[in-house]
Amino acid sequence: MATLLPDTLYLRGKSVKQREPVRPEVSLCRDCLLGVAAGELQAFRGRVVAFEPDPENFSQYFFLATPDFEAAGLKPEVTSAIKKRLADNGQACTECARPATWLWLSREQVTSLDEVERIGEATGEWFCPEHGAGMLCVAFKRIPEANVFYMNLPYGEAGAYVWI
């Protein structure tokens, strides 16, 4: 099960609406979550660094736009490393060769946000929005069972999907 709050971001425990009107909170099974989220993820034209969640230890998977990194509690060195990766240009999608806007960092490459050096140096996989969204969906489908208490959808011009 997962709770999708499409337009809500939590900063230091307080909800911040990302659009008006705010779409309602909904609890969904994994297949329904991915069905709803996939179209939104594919339509997002901003840049994304997406960290694969730890299937054993995550309860939230959420998007932070770059202006919200520090307010959300990311360490300054993590903020800097992710911003550098978001600035990487000229990559092509590994699936279709279209311009890549998503960088997928697998658990094998970056196991936690504390690994600042690995965030900056990991090869990752570059994807266009369609294939980036597909990779996120594949990662969720690999997880046999999870209760995700909070997931939102991308907003702004660029950011990162992180997990806790």
N, C-alpha and C. Protein backbone atom coordinates (compact mmCIF):
# COMPACT_ATOMS: atom_id res chain seq x y z
N MET A 1 0.83 -1.19 0.00
CA MET A 1 0.00 0.00 0.00
C MET A 1 0.87 1.25 0.00
N ALA A 2 0.32 2.30 -0.54
CA ALA A 2 1.04 3.58 -0.58
C ALA A 2 0.03 4.72 -0.46
N THR A 3 0.47 5.77 0.21
CA THR A 3 -0.32 6.98 0.31
C THR A 3 0.30 8.02 -0.61
N LEU A 4 -0.44 8.42 -1.61
CA LEU A 4 0.02 9.42 -2.57
C LEU A 4 -0.60 10.76 -2.22
N LEU A 5 0.25 11.72 -1.95
CA LEU A 5 -0.16 13.11 -1.76
C LEU A 5 0.47 13.87 -2.93
N PRO A 6 -0.18 13.89 -4.07
CA PRO A 6 0.47 14.36 -5.30
C PRO A 6 1.09 15.74 -5.22
N ASP A 7 0.44 16.65 -4.51
CA ASP A 7 0.86 18.05 -4.53
C ASP A 7 1.31 18.59 -3.19
N THR A 8 1.70 17.70 -2.29
CA THR A 8 2.07 18.11 -0.94
C THR A 8 3.51 17.74 -0.65
N LEU A 9 4.22 18.68 -0.09
CA LEU A 9 5.61 18.48 0.33
C LEU A 9 5.66 18.74 1.82
N TYR A 10 6.44 17.96 2.53
CA TYR A 10 6.61 18.20 3.97
C TYR A 10 8.01 18.77 4.21
N LEU A 11 8.04 19.95 4.81
CA LEU A 11 9.29 20.60 5.17
C LEU A 11 9.29 20.81 6.67
N ARG A 12 10.20 20.12 7.33
CA ARG A 12 10.30 20.20 8.79
C ARG A 12 8.96 19.94 9.47
N GLY A 13 8.26 18.91 8.96
CA GLY A 13 7.01 18.48 9.57
C GLY A 13 5.77 19.26 9.18
N LYS A 14 5.93 20.29 8.37
CA LYS A 14 4.77 21.10 7.96
C LYS A 14 4.49 20.88 6.48
N SER A 15 3.21 20.72 6.17
CA SER A 15 2.85 20.50 4.77
C SER A 15 2.89 21.81 3.99
N VAL A 16 3.42 21.71 2.77
CA VAL A 16 3.50 22.85 1.86
C VAL A 16 2.85 22.42 0.56
N LYS A 17 1.84 23.14 0.15
CA LYS A 17 1.12 22.82 -1.08
C LYS A 17 1.92 23.28 -2.29
N GLN A 18 2.00 22.44 -3.30
CA GLN A 18 2.79 22.74 -4.49
C GLN A 18 1.94 23.23 -5.66
N ARG A 19 0.63 23.16 -5.52
CA ARG A 19 -0.26 23.70 -6.56
C ARG A 19 -1.64 23.91 -5.97
N GLU A 20 -2.42 24.72 -6.64
CA GLU A 20 -3.81 24.96 -6.26
C GLU A 20 -4.68 24.70 -7.48
N PRO A 21 -5.76 24.02 -7.38
CA PRO A 21 -6.19 23.31 -6.19
C PRO A 21 -5.32 22.07 -5.97
N VAL A 22 -5.20 21.68 -4.73
CA VAL A 22 -4.43 20.50 -4.36
C VAL A 22 -5.26 19.26 -4.65
N ARG A 23 -4.64 18.33 -5.34
CA ARG A 23 -5.33 17.05 -5.57
C ARG A 23 -5.38 16.28 -4.26
N PRO A 24 -6.41 15.48 -4.05
CA PRO A 24 -6.59 14.83 -2.76
C PRO A 24 -5.57 13.71 -2.49
N GLU A 25 -5.35 13.47 -1.21
CA GLU A 25 -4.56 12.34 -0.75
C GLU A 25 -5.34 11.07 -1.06
N VAL A 26 -4.61 10.02 -1.46
CA VAL A 26 -5.27 8.76 -1.77
C VAL A 26 -4.36 7.60 -1.38
N SER A 27 -4.97 6.54 -0.85
CA SER A 27 -4.23 5.31 -0.54
C SER A 27 -4.48 4.33 -1.67
N LEU A 28 -3.38 3.76 -2.19
CA LEU A 28 -3.46 2.91 -3.36
C LEU A 28 -2.63 1.64 -3.19
N CYS A 29 -3.01 0.60 -3.88
CA CYS A 29 -2.14 -0.57 -3.98
C CYS A 29 -1.00 -0.20 -4.94
N ARG A 30 0.02 -1.03 -4.97
CA ARG A 30 1.19 -0.71 -5.81
C ARG A 30 0.81 -0.53 -7.27
N ASP A 31 0.01 -1.44 -7.82
CA ASP A 31 -0.33 -1.33 -9.24
C ASP A 31 -1.08 -0.04 -9.55
N CYS A 32 -2.01 0.33 -8.67
CA CYS A 32 -2.76 1.57 -8.88
C CYS A 32 -1.86 2.80 -8.71
N LEU A 33 -0.97 2.74 -7.71
CA LEU A 33 -0.02 3.84 -7.51
C LEU A 33 0.80 4.05 -8.77
N LEU A 34 1.35 2.97 -9.29
CA LEU A 34 2.18 3.11 -10.48
C LEU A 34 1.37 3.54 -11.69
N GLY A 35 0.13 3.10 -11.78
CA GLY A 35 -0.74 3.53 -12.87
C GLY A 35 -1.00 5.02 -12.84
N VAL A 36 -1.23 5.56 -11.63
CA VAL A 36 -1.48 6.99 -11.48
C VAL A 36 -0.19 7.79 -11.65
N ALA A 37 0.87 7.34 -11.01
CA ALA A 37 2.12 8.11 -11.00
C ALA A 37 2.86 8.08 -12.33
N ALA A 38 2.80 6.97 -13.06
CA ALA A 38 3.60 6.83 -14.28
C ALA A 38 3.36 7.96 -15.27
N GLY A 39 2.12 8.29 -15.52
CA GLY A 39 1.81 9.37 -16.47
C GLY A 39 2.35 10.72 -16.01
N GLU A 40 2.23 11.00 -14.73
CA GLU A 40 2.74 12.26 -14.17
C GLU A 40 4.27 12.30 -14.25
N LEU A 41 4.91 11.19 -13.95
CA LEU A 41 6.37 11.13 -13.99
C LEU A 41 6.88 11.31 -15.42
N GLN A 42 6.22 10.67 -16.36
CA GLN A 42 6.62 10.79 -17.77
C GLN A 42 6.41 12.20 -18.30
N ALA A 43 5.40 12.89 -17.79
CA ALA A 43 5.09 14.24 -18.27
C ALA A 43 5.99 15.31 -17.66
N PHE A 44 6.69 14.98 -16.57
CA PHE A 44 7.56 15.97 -15.92
C PHE A 44 8.75 16.27 -16.82
N ARG A 45 8.96 17.51 -17.16
CA ARG A 45 10.02 17.90 -18.09
C ARG A 45 11.27 18.44 -17.38
N GLY A 46 11.24 18.48 -16.08
CA GLY A 46 12.41 18.93 -15.33
C GLY A 46 13.46 17.83 -15.22
N ARG A 47 14.56 18.18 -14.57
CA ARG A 47 15.65 17.22 -14.36
C ARG A 47 15.45 16.52 -13.03
N VAL A 48 15.83 15.24 -12.98
CA VAL A 48 15.60 14.42 -11.80
C VAL A 48 16.83 13.57 -11.49
N VAL A 49 17.22 13.55 -10.23
CA VAL A 49 18.13 12.52 -9.72
C VAL A 49 17.25 11.64 -8.84
N ALA A 50 17.15 10.37 -9.18
CA ALA A 50 16.28 9.46 -8.43
C ALA A 50 17.13 8.38 -7.76
N PHE A 51 16.97 8.28 -6.45
CA PHE A 51 17.68 7.27 -5.67
C PHE A 51 16.77 6.07 -5.47
N GLU A 52 17.26 4.90 -5.83
CA GLU A 52 16.48 3.68 -5.63
C GLU A 52 16.27 3.46 -4.13
N PRO A 53 15.01 3.26 -3.70
CA PRO A 53 14.78 3.08 -2.27
C PRO A 53 15.26 1.72 -1.78
N ASP A 54 15.57 1.66 -0.49
CA ASP A 54 15.94 0.42 0.16
C ASP A 54 14.66 -0.34 0.48
N PRO A 55 14.41 -1.47 -0.16
CA PRO A 55 13.13 -2.16 0.04
C PRO A 55 12.90 -2.62 1.47
N GLU A 56 13.96 -2.77 2.24
CA GLU A 56 13.84 -3.23 3.62
C GLU A 56 13.56 -2.10 4.61
N ASN A 57 13.93 -0.87 4.25
CA ASN A 57 13.96 0.20 5.24
C ASN A 57 13.37 1.52 4.80
N PHE A 58 12.41 1.55 3.93
CA PHE A 58 11.87 2.85 3.58
C PHE A 58 10.37 2.90 3.85
N SER A 59 9.93 4.08 4.25
CA SER A 59 8.50 4.28 4.47
C SER A 59 7.99 5.50 3.71
N GLN A 60 8.93 6.29 3.16
CA GLN A 60 8.56 7.47 2.38
C GLN A 60 9.47 7.57 1.17
N TYR A 61 8.90 7.94 0.05
CA TYR A 61 9.66 8.17 -1.18
C TYR A 61 9.09 9.45 -1.76
N PHE A 62 9.90 10.50 -1.77
CA PHE A 62 9.33 11.80 -2.13
C PHE A 62 10.30 12.63 -2.95
N PHE A 63 9.69 13.56 -3.71
CA PHE A 63 10.44 14.46 -4.58
C PHE A 63 10.65 15.78 -3.87
N LEU A 64 11.87 16.28 -3.96
CA LEU A 64 12.23 17.61 -3.46
C LEU A 64 12.78 18.42 -4.61
N ALA A 65 12.19 19.58 -4.89
CA ALA A 65 12.76 20.49 -5.87
C ALA A 65 14.01 21.12 -5.24
N THR A 66 14.97 21.50 -6.08
CA THR A 66 16.24 22.00 -5.56
C THR A 66 16.10 23.14 -4.55
N PRO A 67 15.17 24.09 -4.70
CA PRO A 67 15.09 25.15 -3.69
C PRO A 67 14.68 24.63 -2.31
N ASP A 68 14.12 23.42 -2.24
CA ASP A 68 13.64 22.87 -0.98
C ASP A 68 14.61 21.91 -0.30
N PHE A 69 15.76 21.65 -0.92
CA PHE A 69 16.69 20.66 -0.36
C PHE A 69 17.05 20.97 1.10
N GLU A 70 17.52 22.15 1.35
CA GLU A 70 17.98 22.47 2.71
C GLU A 70 16.82 22.57 3.69
N ALA A 71 15.70 23.15 3.27
CA ALA A 71 14.54 23.25 4.15
C ALA A 71 13.99 21.88 4.52
N ALA A 72 14.22 20.90 3.65
CA ALA A 72 13.78 19.53 3.93
C ALA A 72 14.76 18.78 4.82
N GLY A 73 15.91 19.39 5.07
CA GLY A 73 16.87 18.77 5.98
C GLY A 73 18.04 18.06 5.33
N LEU A 74 18.19 18.19 4.00
CA LEU A 74 19.37 17.59 3.38
C LEU A 74 20.62 18.34 3.83
N LYS A 75 21.66 17.60 4.12
CA LYS A 75 22.93 18.21 4.52
C LYS A 75 23.48 19.06 3.37
N PRO A 76 24.18 20.14 3.67
CA PRO A 76 24.72 21.00 2.61
C PRO A 76 25.59 20.25 1.61
N GLU A 77 26.39 19.31 2.07
CA GLU A 77 27.25 18.56 1.14
C GLU A 77 26.43 17.63 0.24
N VAL A 78 25.32 17.10 0.74
CA VAL A 78 24.43 16.28 -0.08
C VAL A 78 23.74 17.17 -1.11
N THR A 79 23.25 18.34 -0.66
CA THR A 79 22.63 19.31 -1.56
C THR A 79 23.58 19.65 -2.70
N SER A 80 24.81 19.94 -2.38
CA SER A 80 25.80 20.30 -3.39
C SER A 80 26.04 19.16 -4.37
N ALA A 81 26.18 17.95 -3.87
CA ALA A 81 26.43 16.80 -4.74
C ALA A 81 25.27 16.55 -5.69
N ILE A 82 24.04 16.63 -5.19
CA ILE A 82 22.88 16.41 -6.05
C ILE A 82 22.75 17.53 -7.08
N LYS A 83 22.97 18.77 -6.66
CA LYS A 83 22.89 19.89 -7.61
C LYS A 83 23.91 19.74 -8.74
N LYS A 84 25.09 19.26 -8.42
CA LYS A 84 26.10 19.03 -9.47
C LYS A 84 25.62 17.98 -10.45
N ARG A 85 24.99 16.93 -9.94
CA ARG A 85 24.48 15.88 -10.84
C ARG A 85 23.33 16.41 -11.69
N LEU A 86 22.49 17.27 -11.12
CA LEU A 86 21.40 17.86 -11.89
C LEU A 86 21.91 18.76 -13.00
N ALA A 87 23.10 19.31 -12.84
CA ALA A 87 23.68 20.19 -13.84
C ALA A 87 24.34 19.43 -14.99
N ASP A 88 24.52 18.12 -14.83
CA ASP A 88 25.10 17.31 -15.92
C ASP A 88 24.20 17.41 -17.15
N ASN A 89 24.76 17.80 -18.27
CA ASN A 89 24.01 17.94 -19.51
C ASN A 89 24.64 17.09 -20.61
N GLY A 90 23.89 16.90 -21.65
CA GLY A 90 24.43 16.24 -22.83
C GLY A 90 24.35 14.73 -22.81
N GLN A 91 23.70 14.18 -21.78
CA GLN A 91 23.57 12.72 -21.72
C GLN A 91 22.40 12.28 -22.60
N ALA A 92 22.50 11.05 -23.10
CA ALA A 92 21.42 10.46 -23.89
C ALA A 92 20.81 9.31 -23.10
N CYS A 93 19.54 9.09 -23.30
CA CYS A 93 18.83 7.99 -22.66
C CYS A 93 19.47 6.66 -23.06
N THR A 94 19.70 5.81 -22.09
CA THR A 94 20.32 4.51 -22.38
C THR A 94 19.37 3.58 -23.12
N GLU A 95 18.09 3.90 -23.14
CA GLU A 95 17.10 3.05 -23.81
C GLU A 95 16.79 3.51 -25.23
N CYS A 96 16.74 4.83 -25.45
CA CYS A 96 16.25 5.30 -26.75
C CYS A 96 17.10 6.41 -27.38
N ALA A 97 18.12 6.87 -26.69
CA ALA A 97 19.04 7.90 -27.17
C ALA A 97 18.45 9.31 -27.22
N ARG A 98 17.20 9.50 -26.75
CA ARG A 98 16.67 10.86 -26.63
C ARG A 98 17.42 11.58 -25.51
N PRO A 99 17.31 12.90 -25.43
CA PRO A 99 17.99 13.62 -24.34
C PRO A 99 17.54 13.12 -22.97
N ALA A 100 18.50 12.87 -22.12
CA ALA A 100 18.23 12.35 -20.78
C ALA A 100 18.04 13.48 -19.78
N THR A 101 17.01 13.37 -18.96
CA THR A 101 16.77 14.34 -17.89
C THR A 101 16.72 13.65 -16.53
N TRP A 102 16.71 12.33 -16.51
CA TRP A 102 16.68 11.55 -15.28
C TRP A 102 18.00 10.84 -15.09
N LEU A 103 18.55 10.92 -13.89
CA LEU A 103 19.70 10.10 -13.50
C LEU A 103 19.21 9.16 -12.41
N TRP A 104 19.25 7.86 -12.70
CA TRP A 104 18.84 6.83 -11.75
C TRP A 104 20.08 6.31 -11.04
N LEU A 105 20.08 6.39 -9.72
CA LEU A 105 21.19 5.88 -8.91
C LEU A 105 20.69 4.66 -8.14
N SER A 106 21.20 3.50 -8.52
CA SER A 106 20.76 2.25 -7.91
C SER A 106 21.31 2.11 -6.49
N ARG A 107 20.74 1.19 -5.75
CA ARG A 107 21.20 0.91 -4.38
C ARG A 107 22.62 0.36 -4.39
N GLU A 108 23.00 -0.34 -5.44
CA GLU A 108 24.37 -0.84 -5.53
C GLU A 108 25.37 0.30 -5.64
N GLN A 109 24.96 1.39 -6.25
CA GLN A 109 25.87 2.52 -6.44
C GLN A 109 25.84 3.51 -5.29
N VAL A 110 24.65 3.77 -4.75
CA VAL A 110 24.51 4.71 -3.63
C VAL A 110 23.51 4.09 -2.66
N THR A 111 24.01 3.65 -1.51
CA THR A 111 23.13 2.98 -0.55
C THR A 111 22.42 3.95 0.39
N SER A 112 22.97 5.15 0.57
CA SER A 112 22.30 6.14 1.42
C SER A 112 22.74 7.55 1.03
N LEU A 113 21.98 8.52 1.47
CA LEU A 113 22.32 9.91 1.18
C LEU A 113 23.54 10.38 1.95
N ASP A 114 24.03 9.56 2.87
CA ASP A 114 25.26 9.90 3.59
C ASP A 114 26.50 9.68 2.74
N GLU A 115 26.37 8.99 1.63
CA GLU A 115 27.50 8.68 0.75
C GLU A 115 27.70 9.78 -0.28
N VAL A 116 28.09 10.93 0.19
CA VAL A 116 28.21 12.12 -0.66
C VAL A 116 29.16 11.88 -1.83
N GLU A 117 30.29 11.28 -1.57
CA GLU A 117 31.26 11.04 -2.64
C GLU A 117 30.67 10.14 -3.73
N ARG A 118 29.93 9.12 -3.32
CA ARG A 118 29.32 8.21 -4.29
C ARG A 118 28.23 8.91 -5.09
N ILE A 119 27.48 9.81 -4.44
CA ILE A 119 26.45 10.57 -5.17
C ILE A 119 27.12 11.35 -6.30
N GLY A 120 28.26 11.94 -6.01
CA GLY A 120 28.95 12.75 -7.00
C GLY A 120 29.64 11.95 -8.09
N GLU A 121 30.03 10.71 -7.80
CA GLU A 121 30.85 9.94 -8.74
C GLU A 121 30.15 8.75 -9.39
N ALA A 122 29.05 8.28 -8.84
CA ALA A 122 28.38 7.09 -9.38
C ALA A 122 27.99 7.31 -10.83
N THR A 123 28.18 6.30 -11.63
CA THR A 123 27.83 6.38 -13.04
C THR A 123 26.34 6.57 -13.23
N GLY A 124 25.56 5.79 -12.50
CA GLY A 124 24.11 5.86 -12.64
C GLY A 124 23.67 5.46 -14.04
N GLU A 125 22.40 5.58 -14.28
CA GLU A 125 21.84 5.34 -15.60
C GLU A 125 21.03 6.56 -15.99
N TRP A 126 21.26 7.02 -17.22
CA TRP A 126 20.58 8.21 -17.72
C TRP A 126 19.38 7.80 -18.56
N PHE A 127 18.25 8.50 -18.31
CA PHE A 127 17.02 8.18 -19.02
C PHE A 127 16.28 9.45 -19.44
N CYS A 128 15.49 9.32 -20.50
CA CYS A 128 14.52 10.35 -20.87
C CYS A 128 13.38 10.25 -19.84
N PRO A 129 12.45 11.20 -19.81
CA PRO A 129 11.36 11.12 -18.83
C PRO A 129 10.57 9.81 -18.89
N GLU A 130 10.28 9.34 -20.09
CA GLU A 130 9.51 8.10 -20.22
C GLU A 130 10.23 6.92 -19.60
N HIS A 131 11.50 6.76 -19.92
CA HIS A 131 12.24 5.61 -19.41
C HIS A 131 12.68 5.80 -17.96
N GLY A 132 12.85 7.04 -17.52
CA GLY A 132 13.13 7.30 -16.10
C GLY A 132 11.94 6.90 -15.25
N ALA A 133 10.75 7.30 -15.68
CA ALA A 133 9.53 6.90 -14.98
C ALA A 133 9.40 5.38 -14.98
N GLY A 134 9.74 4.77 -16.10
CA GLY A 134 9.68 3.31 -16.20
C GLY A 134 10.63 2.64 -15.22
N MET A 135 11.82 3.19 -15.06
CA MET A 135 12.78 2.62 -14.13
C MET A 135 12.29 2.71 -12.70
N LEU A 136 11.70 3.84 -12.34
CA LEU A 136 11.15 3.98 -11.00
C LEU A 136 10.04 2.95 -10.78
N CYS A 137 9.19 2.76 -11.77
CA CYS A 137 8.12 1.76 -11.66
C CYS A 137 8.68 0.34 -11.53
N VAL A 138 9.70 0.03 -12.30
CA VAL A 138 10.34 -1.29 -12.20
C VAL A 138 10.89 -1.51 -10.80
N ALA A 139 11.53 -0.49 -10.24
CA ALA A 139 12.10 -0.61 -8.89
C ALA A 139 11.00 -0.90 -7.88
N PHE A 140 9.87 -0.21 -7.98
CA PHE A 140 8.76 -0.45 -7.06
C PHE A 140 8.18 -1.84 -7.25
N LYS A 141 8.11 -2.32 -8.48
CA LYS A 141 7.57 -3.66 -8.74
C LYS A 141 8.47 -4.76 -8.17
N ARG A 142 9.76 -4.49 -8.05
CA ARG A 142 10.69 -5.48 -7.48
C ARG A 142 10.52 -5.64 -5.97
N ILE A 143 9.88 -4.70 -5.34
CA ILE A 143 9.72 -4.73 -3.88
C ILE A 143 8.52 -5.63 -3.56
N PRO A 144 8.77 -6.75 -2.88
CA PRO A 144 7.69 -7.70 -2.65
C PRO A 144 6.55 -7.14 -1.78
N GLU A 145 6.90 -6.35 -0.76
CA GLU A 145 5.87 -5.79 0.11
C GLU A 145 6.41 -4.55 0.80
N ALA A 146 5.61 -3.50 0.82
CA ALA A 146 6.02 -2.27 1.49
C ALA A 146 4.78 -1.45 1.83
N ASN A 147 4.90 -0.68 2.87
CA ASN A 147 3.89 0.32 3.21
C ASN A 147 4.55 1.67 3.07
N VAL A 148 4.17 2.38 2.04
CA VAL A 148 4.73 3.70 1.78
C VAL A 148 3.73 4.72 2.34
N PHE A 149 4.15 5.42 3.39
CA PHE A 149 3.25 6.34 4.06
C PHE A 149 3.17 7.70 3.38
N TYR A 150 4.11 7.96 2.47
CA TYR A 150 4.10 9.26 1.80
C TYR A 150 4.89 9.20 0.51
N MET A 151 4.23 9.60 -0.56
CA MET A 151 4.88 9.79 -1.85
C MET A 151 4.19 10.98 -2.51
N ASN A 152 4.99 11.83 -3.13
CA ASN A 152 4.43 12.95 -3.88
C ASN A 152 4.89 12.85 -5.33
N LEU A 153 4.52 13.82 -6.12
CA LEU A 153 4.89 13.84 -7.53
C LEU A 153 5.82 15.02 -7.78
N PRO A 154 6.62 14.96 -8.85
CA PRO A 154 7.59 16.03 -9.12
C PRO A 154 6.93 17.38 -9.35
N TYR A 155 7.66 18.42 -9.00
CA TYR A 155 7.22 19.81 -9.18
C TYR A 155 8.48 20.64 -9.42
N GLY A 156 8.32 21.86 -9.84
CA GLY A 156 9.46 22.75 -10.06
C GLY A 156 10.23 22.41 -11.33
N GLU A 157 11.47 22.87 -11.39
CA GLU A 157 12.28 22.69 -12.59
C GLU A 157 13.25 21.52 -12.50
N ALA A 158 13.66 21.18 -11.29
CA ALA A 158 14.62 20.08 -11.10
C ALA A 158 14.62 19.68 -9.63
N GLY A 159 15.01 18.43 -9.38
CA GLY A 159 15.06 17.97 -8.01
C GLY A 159 15.45 16.51 -7.91
N ALA A 160 15.15 15.93 -6.76
CA ALA A 160 15.57 14.56 -6.49
C ALA A 160 14.45 13.79 -5.81
N TYR A 161 14.36 12.51 -6.16
CA TYR A 161 13.52 11.57 -5.43
C TYR A 161 14.40 10.90 -4.42
N VAL A 162 14.05 11.04 -3.14
CA VAL A 162 14.81 10.47 -2.03
C VAL A 162 13.88 9.61 -1.20
N TRP A 163 14.46 8.81 -0.33
CA TRP A 163 13.67 7.94 0.53
C TRP A 163 14.17 8.02 1.98
N ILE A 164 13.24 7.77 2.86
CA ILE A 164 13.59 7.59 4.28
C ILE A 164 12.74 6.45 4.82
